Amino acid sequence: MSEEQPYKVKYADGKPVLESGHYCYYIPEMPESSDKGEYRPSIVVENEAGHFPLDFTWGKDKEIAKQCEREKNKELGLAEWQVALIILSSMGKGM
């Protein structure tokens, strides 16, 4: 997870609006302990290291959180293979 966000996530019509680049929603495999067992979605930006947690959760049920992730990425027009590529592009950057 990135300590420092290089830009501010803004919202328009309930969707994150980024200055540039493709992005997707991401749910980590395990919830953060600080979230009391709830799954907090993050934004992953293509070719940017890490992920950027949002300020809300999608509950304690992993399957429901993953379904929300799929629905939100579908709203962005992304197929699952495109989401996988965006996530892969964020791994290992800045190391």
C-alpha atoms as a PDB file:
ATOM      1  CA  MET A   1       0.000   0.000   0.000  1.00  0.00           C
ATOM      2  CA  SER A   2       1.271   3.419  -0.885  1.00  0.00           C
ATOM      3  CA  GLU A   3       2.022   5.728   2.034  1.00  0.00           C
ATOM      4  CA  GLU A   4       1.778   8.848  -0.071  1.00  0.00           C
ATOM      5  CA  GLN A   5      -0.932   9.426  -2.654  1.00  0.00           C
ATOM      6  CA  PRO A   6       0.490  11.253  -5.710  1.00  0.00           C
ATOM      7  CA  TYR A   7      -2.883  12.831  -6.490  1.00  0.00           C
ATOM      8  CA  LYS A   8      -6.214  13.390  -4.840  1.00  0.00           C
ATOM      9  CA  VAL A   9      -9.113  11.077  -5.701  1.00  0.00           C
ATOM     10  CA  LYS A  10     -12.098  13.259  -6.557  1.00  0.00           C
ATOM     11  CA  TYR A  11     -15.684  12.087  -6.984  1.00  0.00           C
ATOM     12  CA  ALA A  12     -18.226  12.900  -9.681  1.00  0.00           C
ATOM     13  CA  ASP A  13     -21.581  11.138  -9.771  1.00  0.00           C
ATOM     14  CA  GLY A  14     -20.347   8.795  -7.042  1.00  0.00           C
ATOM     15  CA  LYS A  15     -17.376   7.540  -9.096  1.00  0.00           C
ATOM     16  CA  PRO A  16     -13.692   8.293  -8.528  1.00  0.00           C
ATOM     17  CA  VAL A  17     -12.286  10.679 -11.109  1.00  0.00           C
ATOM     18  CA  LEU A  18      -8.535  10.557 -11.580  1.00  0.00           C
ATOM     19  CA  GLU A  19      -6.386  13.047 -13.408  1.00  0.00           C
ATOM     20  CA  SER A  20      -5.013  10.427 -15.774  1.00  0.00           C
ATOM     21  CA  GLY A  21      -4.543   6.711 -16.333  1.00  0.00           C
ATOM     22  CA  HIS A  22      -6.733   3.661 -16.231  1.00  0.00           C
ATOM     23  CA  TYR A  23      -7.833   2.403 -12.846  1.00  0.00           C
ATOM     24  CA  CYS A  24      -9.906  -0.308 -11.216  1.00  0.00           C
ATOM     25  CA  TYR A  25     -11.430  -1.190  -7.880  1.00  0.00           C
ATOM     26  CA  TYR A  26      -9.607  -3.779  -5.783  1.00  0.00           C
ATOM     27  CA  ILE A  27     -10.486  -5.762  -2.660  1.00  0.00           C
ATOM     28  CA  PRO A  28      -7.502  -7.191  -0.753  1.00  0.00           C
ATOM     29  CA  GLU A  29      -7.607 -10.898   0.095  1.00  0.00           C
ATOM     30  CA  MET A  30      -7.683 -10.126   3.825  1.00  0.00           C
ATOM     31  CA  PRO A  31      -9.362  -7.162   5.539  1.00  0.00           C
ATOM     32  CA  GLU A  32      -7.115  -4.694   7.338  1.00  0.00           C
ATOM     33  CA  SER A  33      -7.141  -5.183  11.120  1.00  0.00           C
ATOM     34  CA  SER A  34      -7.913  -1.482  11.571  1.00  0.00           C
ATOM     35  CA  ASP A  35     -11.161  -1.974   9.607  1.00  0.00           C
ATOM     36  CA  LYS A  36     -12.626  -4.361  12.229  1.00  0.00           C
ATOM     37  CA  GLY A  37     -12.838  -7.225   9.745  1.00  0.00           C
ATOM     38  CA  GLU A  38     -14.533  -5.206   7.010  1.00  0.00           C
ATOM     39  CA  TYR A  39     -13.311  -5.159   3.430  1.00  0.00           C
ATOM     40  CA  ARG A  40     -12.160  -1.696   2.329  1.00  0.00           C
ATOM     41  CA  PRO A  41     -11.997  -1.170  -1.442  1.00  0.00           C
ATOM     42  CA  SER A  42      -8.964   0.437  -2.979  1.00  0.00           C
ATOM     43  CA  ILE A  43      -8.240   2.072  -6.293  1.00  0.00           C
ATOM     44  CA  VAL A  44      -5.397   0.587  -8.321  1.00  0.00           C
ATOM     45  CA  VAL A  45      -3.999   2.866 -11.012  1.00  0.00           C
ATOM     46  CA  GLU A  46      -2.312   1.375 -14.049  1.00  0.00           C
ATOM     47  CA  ASN A  47       1.493   1.537 -13.740  1.00  0.00           C
ATOM     48  CA  GLU A  48       1.328   3.178 -10.271  1.00  0.00           C
ATOM     49  CA  ALA A  49       2.867   1.313  -7.332  1.00  0.00           C
ATOM     50  CA  GLY A  50       0.497  -0.069  -4.717  1.00  0.00           C
ATOM     51  CA  HIS A  51      -3.159   0.703  -4.124  1.00  0.00           C
ATOM     52  CA  PHE A  52      -5.065   3.590  -2.606  1.00  0.00           C
ATOM     53  CA  PRO A  53      -7.695   2.682   0.040  1.00  0.00           C
ATOM     54  CA  LEU A  54     -11.022   4.502  -0.143  1.00  0.00           C
ATOM     55  CA  ASP A  55     -12.861   5.953   2.845  1.00  0.00           C
ATOM     56  CA  PHE A  56     -15.628   3.326   3.087  1.00  0.00           C
ATOM     57  CA  THR A  57     -16.023  -0.465   3.394  1.00  0.00           C
ATOM     58  CA  TRP A  58     -18.106  -3.114   1.647  1.00  0.00           C
ATOM     59  CA  GLY A  59     -18.880  -5.147   4.771  1.00  0.00           C
ATOM     60  CA  LYS A  60     -17.438  -8.271   6.378  1.00  0.00           C
ATOM     61  CA  ASP A  61     -18.542 -10.838   3.783  1.00  0.00           C
ATOM     62  CA  LYS A  62     -15.706 -11.404   1.308  1.00  0.00           C
ATOM     63  CA  GLU A  63     -17.965 -12.734  -1.456  1.00  0.00           C
ATOM     64  CA  ILE A  64     -20.248  -9.699  -1.264  1.00  0.00           C
ATOM     65  CA  ALA A  65     -17.223  -7.370  -1.284  1.00  0.00           C
ATOM     66  CA  LYS A  66     -15.789  -9.185  -4.340  1.00  0.00           C
ATOM     67  CA  GLN A  67     -19.178  -8.928  -6.075  1.00  0.00           C
ATOM     68  CA  CYS A  68     -19.209  -5.162  -5.409  1.00  0.00           C
ATOM     69  CA  GLU A  69     -15.683  -5.003  -6.853  1.00  0.00           C
ATOM     70  CA  ARG A  70     -16.783  -6.834 -10.027  1.00  0.00           C
ATOM     71  CA  GLU A  71     -19.868  -4.631 -10.447  1.00  0.00           C
ATOM     72  CA  LYS A  72     -17.927  -1.382 -10.005  1.00  0.00           C
ATOM     73  CA  ASN A  73     -15.234  -2.493 -12.464  1.00  0.00           C
ATOM     74  CA  LYS A  74     -17.950  -3.508 -14.937  1.00  0.00           C
ATOM     75  CA  GLU A  75     -19.461   0.001 -14.585  1.00  0.00           C
ATOM     76  CA  LEU A  76     -16.026   1.314 -15.603  1.00  0.00           C
ATOM     77  CA  GLY A  77     -16.259  -0.849 -18.732  1.00  0.00           C
ATOM     78  CA  LEU A  78     -13.517  -3.237 -17.603  1.00  0.00           C
ATOM     79  CA  ALA A  79     -13.464  -6.966 -18.274  1.00  0.00           C
ATOM     80  CA  GLU A  80     -11.902  -9.190 -15.601  1.00  0.00           C
ATOM     81  CA  TRP A  81      -8.767  -9.694 -17.725  1.00  0.00           C
ATOM     82  CA  GLN A  82      -8.319  -5.910 -17.955  1.00  0.00           C
ATOM     83  CA  VAL A  83      -8.642  -5.583 -14.171  1.00  0.00           C
ATOM     84  CA  ALA A  84      -5.996  -8.290 -13.756  1.00  0.00           C
ATOM     85  CA  LEU A  85      -3.611  -6.413 -16.075  1.00  0.00           C
ATOM     86  CA  ILE A  86      -4.099  -3.130 -14.206  1.00  0.00           C
ATOM     87  CA  ILE A  87      -3.409  -4.860 -10.876  1.00  0.00           C
ATOM     88  CA  LEU A  88      -0.343  -6.646 -12.260  1.00  0.00           C
ATOM     89  CA  SER A  89       0.997  -3.367 -13.632  1.00  0.00           C
ATOM     90  CA  SER A  90       0.965  -1.913 -10.099  1.00  0.00           C
ATOM     91  CA  MET A  91       3.055  -4.704  -8.554  1.00  0.00           C
ATOM     92  CA  GLY A  92       6.745  -4.206  -8.090  1.00  0.00           C
ATOM     93  CA  LYS A  93       6.736  -0.561  -9.165  1.00  0.00           C
ATOM     94  CA  GLY A  94       8.976   1.733  -7.179  1.00  0.00           C
ATOM     95  CA  MET A  95      10.942  -1.073  -5.552  1.00  0.00           C
END
